[in-house]
Protein backbone atom coordinates (compact mmCIF):
# COMPACT_ATOMS: atom_id res chain seq x y z
CA MET A 1 -86.55 21.26 99.63
CA ASP A 2 -89.08 23.93 98.98
CA LEU A 3 -87.13 27.08 99.96
CA THR A 4 -90.00 29.27 98.84
CA ALA A 5 -92.67 27.84 101.20
CA ASN A 6 -93.09 31.09 103.23
CA ALA A 7 -95.34 33.71 101.80
CA ASN A 8 -94.28 37.30 101.40
CA ARG A 9 -90.64 36.52 100.99
CA GLY A 10 -88.12 37.23 98.25
CA THR A 11 -84.59 36.50 97.18
CA VAL A 12 -81.25 38.19 96.84
CA THR A 13 -79.26 36.45 94.12
CA LEU A 14 -75.58 36.26 92.94
CA LYS A 15 -75.51 34.41 89.64
CA ASP A 16 -72.45 32.57 88.22
CA PHE A 17 -69.85 34.69 89.85
CA GLU A 18 -66.44 33.49 88.51
CA VAL A 19 -63.73 32.62 90.95
CA VAL A 20 -60.33 31.03 90.07
CA ALA A 21 -59.23 28.50 92.70
CA CYS A 22 -57.90 24.96 93.32
CA HIS A 23 -60.50 22.40 94.26
CA GLY A 24 -60.50 18.78 93.13
CA VAL A 25 -59.46 15.25 93.82
CA ASN A 26 -56.67 15.00 91.23
CA PRO A 27 -53.17 16.33 92.18
CA GLU A 28 -53.05 18.74 89.24
CA GLU A 29 -56.27 20.34 90.38
CA LYS A 30 -54.76 21.16 93.72
CA LYS A 31 -51.83 23.01 91.98
CA ASN A 32 -53.35 24.40 88.84
CA PRO A 33 -56.23 26.91 89.49
CA GLN A 34 -59.35 26.63 87.39
CA ARG A 35 -62.63 28.43 86.97
CA PHE A 36 -65.56 27.97 89.26
CA LEU A 37 -68.95 29.64 88.84
CA ILE A 38 -70.75 30.28 92.09
CA SER A 39 -74.49 31.08 92.29
CA VAL A 40 -76.06 32.04 95.63
CA GLU A 41 -79.84 32.53 96.19
CA ILE A 42 -80.76 33.90 99.65
CA PHE A 43 -84.37 33.80 100.80
CA GLU A 44 -85.34 36.64 103.12
CA ASP A 45 -88.11 39.19 103.93
CA ILE A 46 -87.18 41.73 101.18
CA PHE A 47 -90.38 43.60 101.73
CA LYS A 48 -89.09 44.86 105.11
CA ALA A 49 -86.08 46.24 103.35
CA ALA A 50 -88.11 47.71 100.51
CA SER A 51 -90.43 49.51 102.98
CA GLY A 52 -87.57 51.44 104.54
CA ASP A 53 -85.14 51.32 101.70
CA ASP A 54 -82.48 50.44 104.27
CA LEU A 55 -79.42 48.22 103.61
CA GLU A 56 -79.42 47.15 107.24
CA ASP A 57 -82.77 45.35 106.70
CA THR A 58 -81.42 43.08 103.87
CA VAL A 59 -78.55 40.86 102.88
CA SER A 60 -75.90 42.82 100.97
CA TYR A 61 -75.14 41.07 97.73
CA SER A 62 -71.80 42.98 97.66
CA ALA A 63 -70.89 41.47 101.10
CA VAL A 64 -71.94 38.05 99.85
CA LYS A 65 -69.71 38.40 96.82
CA LYS A 66 -66.68 39.22 99.02
CA ILE A 67 -67.37 36.19 101.25
CA VAL A 68 -67.71 33.88 98.27
CA LYS A 69 -64.43 35.14 96.72
CA SER A 70 -62.50 34.89 99.97
CA PHE A 71 -63.77 31.48 100.97
CA VAL A 72 -63.42 29.81 97.48
CA GLU A 73 -59.98 31.26 96.94
CA GLY A 74 -58.79 30.58 100.45
CA ASN A 75 -59.59 26.82 100.69
CA CYS A 76 -58.87 23.66 98.83
CA PHE A 77 -61.41 20.90 98.97
CA ASP A 78 -61.50 17.53 97.10
CA LEU A 79 -65.28 17.74 96.44
CA ILE A 80 -67.34 20.66 95.14
CA GLU A 81 -70.04 19.25 97.33
CA THR A 82 -67.99 20.18 100.35
CA LEU A 83 -67.36 23.60 98.95
CA ALA A 84 -71.10 24.18 98.35
CA VAL A 85 -72.20 23.05 101.83
CA ARG A 86 -69.50 24.96 103.75
CA LEU A 87 -70.13 28.08 101.76
CA ALA A 88 -73.84 27.91 102.35
CA ARG A 89 -73.24 27.47 106.11
CA LEU A 90 -70.82 30.37 106.23
CA ILE A 91 -73.24 32.72 104.61
CA LEU A 92 -76.06 31.81 106.89
CA ASP A 93 -73.83 32.28 109.89
CA GLU A 94 -72.78 35.70 108.62
CA PHE A 95 -76.36 36.89 107.80
CA PRO A 96 -79.01 36.11 110.45
CA LEU A 97 -81.69 37.82 108.26
CA ALA A 98 -81.26 34.96 105.73
CA GLU A 99 -84.01 32.45 106.20
CA ALA A 100 -82.78 29.93 103.63
CA ILE A 101 -80.04 29.57 101.00
CA SER A 102 -79.16 27.76 97.87
CA VAL A 103 -75.58 27.54 96.79
CA GLU A 104 -74.58 26.07 93.49
CA VAL A 105 -70.89 25.45 92.50
CA LYS A 106 -70.30 24.91 88.80
CA LYS A 107 -67.04 23.47 87.47
CA PRO A 108 -66.92 24.23 83.69
CA ASP A 109 -63.46 22.89 83.16
CA ALA A 110 -63.69 19.58 85.09
CA PRO A 111 -60.89 17.21 83.89
CA MET A 112 -62.99 14.53 82.11
CA SER A 113 -63.69 13.41 78.66
CA GLY A 114 -66.76 14.31 76.63
CA LYS A 115 -68.60 17.50 75.69
CA PHE A 116 -70.49 19.24 78.51
CA ASP A 117 -71.21 22.69 79.81
CA TYR A 118 -70.29 22.14 83.37
CA VAL A 119 -70.60 19.81 86.39
CA SER A 120 -72.13 21.19 89.56
CA ALA A 121 -73.16 20.57 93.13
CA LYS A 122 -75.92 22.46 94.87
CA ALA A 123 -76.49 22.79 98.63
CA GLU A 124 -79.77 23.97 100.11
CA LEU A 125 -80.33 24.91 103.82
CA ALA A 126 -83.24 26.47 105.56
CA ARG A 127 -83.74 27.76 109.08
CA ARG A 128 -86.50 25.84 110.80
CA LYS A 129 -88.30 26.52 114.08
CA ILE A 130 -87.24 23.64 116.36
CA TYR A 131 -88.38 22.58 119.82
CA LEU A 132 -86.25 20.44 122.10
CA SER A 133 -87.29 19.06 125.44
CA LEU A 134 -84.74 18.75 128.29
CA GLY A 135 -85.07 16.43 131.24
CA ALA A 136 -82.74 15.28 134.04
CA ASN A 137 -83.00 13.70 137.42
CA LEU A 138 -79.44 12.78 138.39
CA GLY A 139 -76.50 15.03 139.51
CA ASP A 140 -76.86 18.79 139.34
CA GLU A 141 -79.79 18.96 136.94
CA GLY A 142 -79.65 22.73 136.61
CA GLU A 143 -75.99 22.65 135.73
CA TYR A 144 -76.65 20.13 133.07
CA PHE A 145 -79.29 22.33 131.61
CA ASP A 146 -77.07 25.39 131.69
CA PHE A 147 -74.40 23.39 129.90
CA ALA A 148 -76.75 22.37 127.15
CA ILE A 149 -78.04 25.86 126.64
CA ALA A 150 -74.44 27.10 126.36
CA LYS A 151 -73.62 24.44 123.78
CA PHE A 152 -76.62 25.42 121.71
CA LYS A 153 -75.71 29.08 121.88
CA GLU A 154 -72.12 28.31 120.93
CA ASN A 155 -73.28 26.53 117.75
CA PRO A 156 -73.78 29.06 114.90
CA ALA A 157 -76.50 26.94 113.37
CA PHE A 158 -78.77 28.01 116.29
CA THR A 159 -80.29 31.52 116.45
CA ASN A 160 -83.16 33.18 118.37
CA LEU A 161 -82.94 30.68 121.18
CA ARG A 162 -85.36 30.74 124.04
CA GLU A 163 -85.90 28.47 127.08
CA SER A 164 -89.09 27.96 128.93
CA ALA A 165 -89.31 27.99 132.72
CA ARG A 166 -87.81 24.96 134.36
CA ILE A 167 -90.32 22.81 136.18
CA VAL A 168 -90.02 19.79 138.58
CA THR A 169 -92.19 16.81 137.73
CA GLU A 170 -92.87 13.22 138.78
CA PRO A 171 -91.05 10.51 136.73
CA TYR A 172 -92.79 9.18 133.68
CA GLY A 173 -92.81 5.58 132.46
CA GLY A 174 -92.81 3.71 135.71
CA VAL A 175 -88.99 3.11 135.91
CA ALA A 176 -87.24 6.18 137.24
CA ASP A 177 -87.63 6.85 141.02
CA ARG A 178 -86.58 10.44 141.31
CA LYS A 179 -88.30 13.66 140.29
CA PHE A 180 -87.19 15.29 137.08
CA LEU A 181 -86.28 18.86 136.11
CA ASN A 182 -87.81 19.67 132.69
CA SER A 183 -87.85 22.54 130.25
CA VAL A 184 -88.28 23.10 126.50
CA VAL A 185 -85.96 25.11 124.22
CA GLU A 186 -87.04 26.92 121.03
CA ALA A 187 -84.61 27.97 118.34
CA ASP A 188 -84.24 28.60 114.63
CA CYS A 189 -81.82 26.06 113.29
CA TYR A 190 -80.46 25.19 109.85
CA MET A 191 -78.87 21.82 110.75
CA PRO A 192 -80.24 18.95 108.75
CA LEU A 193 -82.40 16.74 110.97
CA ARG A 194 -80.04 13.76 111.32
CA GLU A 195 -77.15 16.16 112.06
CA LEU A 196 -79.30 17.76 114.77
CA LEU A 197 -79.94 14.37 116.35
CA ASP A 198 -76.18 13.67 116.37
CA PHE A 199 -75.53 17.01 117.98
CA VAL A 200 -78.03 16.66 120.82
CA HIS A 201 -76.68 13.14 121.47
CA LYS A 202 -73.18 14.63 121.68
CA VAL A 203 -74.39 17.18 124.22
CA GLU A 204 -76.11 14.42 126.28
CA ASN A 205 -72.94 12.28 126.21
CA MET A 206 -70.85 15.22 127.40
CA CYS A 207 -73.16 15.29 130.48
CA GLY A 208 -72.51 11.57 131.14
CA ARG A 209 -75.73 10.26 129.65
CA THR A 210 -76.12 6.47 129.55
CA ARG A 211 -78.90 4.51 127.89
CA GLU A 212 -78.91 1.27 129.83
CA VAL A 213 -82.52 1.34 131.00
CA ARG A 214 -85.37 2.93 129.05
CA TRP A 215 -87.13 5.70 130.96
CA GLY A 216 -84.61 5.22 133.83
CA ASN A 217 -82.90 7.79 135.96
CA ARG A 218 -80.59 9.95 133.74
CA THR A 219 -78.25 12.95 133.83
CA LEU A 220 -79.61 14.70 130.73
CA ASP A 221 -82.16 13.70 128.15
CA ILE A 222 -82.75 15.84 124.99
CA ASP A 223 -85.67 14.97 122.71
CA ILE A 224 -86.50 16.67 119.33
CA LEU A 225 -90.16 17.55 119.61
CA PHE A 226 -90.70 19.46 116.45
CA TYR A 227 -88.40 20.26 113.42
CA GLY A 228 -90.49 22.83 111.66
CA ASP A 229 -93.39 21.03 110.03
CA VAL A 230 -91.20 18.13 108.96
CA VAL A 231 -92.53 14.55 109.52
CA CYS A 232 -89.88 11.91 109.70
CA GLY A 233 -89.82 8.27 110.78
CA ASP A 234 -86.37 6.89 110.00
CA GLY A 235 -85.05 4.14 112.37
CA ASP A 236 -84.18 5.84 115.61
CA LEU A 237 -85.33 9.21 114.35
CA ALA A 238 -89.02 10.02 114.74
CA VAL A 239 -90.22 13.59 114.45
CA PRO A 240 -92.54 14.98 115.74
CA HIS A 241 -92.02 13.20 118.97
CA ALA A 242 -94.46 10.32 119.11
CA ASP A 243 -95.45 10.52 122.80
CA MET A 244 -95.51 14.19 123.46
CA CYS A 245 -99.28 14.34 123.58
CA ASN A 246 -99.17 12.19 126.72
CA ARG A 247 -96.50 14.14 128.55
CA SER A 248 -97.58 17.15 130.63
CA PHE A 249 -93.93 17.80 131.50
CA VAL A 250 -93.37 18.48 127.77
CA LEU A 251 -96.63 20.17 126.84
CA GLU A 252 -96.61 22.65 129.74
CA PRO A 253 -93.26 24.26 128.99
CA LEU A 254 -93.86 23.91 125.24
CA CYS A 255 -97.17 25.79 125.60
CA GLU A 256 -95.36 28.59 127.34
CA LEU A 257 -93.17 29.17 124.32
CA ALA A 258 -95.46 28.19 121.41
CA PRO A 259 -99.13 27.76 122.40
CA ASN A 260 -100.28 28.18 118.73
CA PHE A 261 -97.68 25.97 117.12
CA VAL A 262 -99.63 23.39 115.01
CA HIS A 263 -98.63 19.72 115.05
CA PRO A 264 -97.96 18.72 111.43
CA LEU A 265 -99.73 15.36 111.84
CA THR A 266 -102.68 15.93 114.20
CA HIS A 267 -103.13 19.57 113.06
CA LYS A 268 -103.78 20.54 116.67
CA ARG A 269 -102.34 23.55 118.44
CA VAL A 270 -100.01 22.90 121.38
CA ARG A 271 -102.45 24.59 123.81
CA ASP A 272 -105.25 22.34 122.58
CA MET A 273 -103.13 19.23 123.02
CA LEU A 274 -102.35 20.33 126.57
CA ALA A 275 -106.06 20.96 127.36
CA GLU A 276 -107.01 17.56 125.97
CA LEU A 277 -104.29 15.93 128.11
CA ARG A 278 -105.56 17.67 131.23
CA GLU A 279 -109.07 16.59 130.42
CA ARG A 280 -107.90 12.93 130.13
CA GLU A 281 -106.03 13.14 133.38
CA ARG A 282 -109.14 14.44 135.21
CA ALA A 283 -111.36 11.74 133.74
């Protein structure tokens, strides 16, 4: 992961902070504390903080150190991988100004033979601008939308959430026989892509979603349109959404939120994609 992709950004770093705690698979590691060296690198807009010389505009490394100490000492995990990931999530949750984070957990006294400096695990997470489309044509569509928005807001991985206007459209795909309510949601999200897919499926299922007939009537459908500029085709996970360029019920609310967002494959702005679709529909 390229955590430094954004220009005009900087880092706040805590390097090899020593904490004595109990983490490990072996029974003795859960009873006998040992040393862990924790390094945290937080990517943020440090130039804003520098311009005003104001602590409120940056991530306090002192506060980060306190969180690290409390979390590492207060928990007991089998895997340092678990410790690294959960610590990274906690720090991002505590500091909305942080755009990305790298957490490395070093274990210099790991109970194994041989000469070594340490073993370690590193977790990297970055907030990405995501766009989700919502659609429903069964039950109380608006209530399903409200429920989904509430679940997104409850999840600390989502920040800066906005929803477009909700529009009523004709069914798409030639199977459904009722009009749909549609909208698009924008958010910054640090969930890994596969985890995000699992989360939206969970929200759909909580609304009674079934998948018996493709493009059929449904209670709630949530599609991942964009996940930053990531391109992924992995089994049931295809991002950007493959058919969005043909769907006015997606492009219209998406254009309301992000007219200049650039498709990472076609390199077209959303508003240009919508204009091209309308031209095709008129032809």
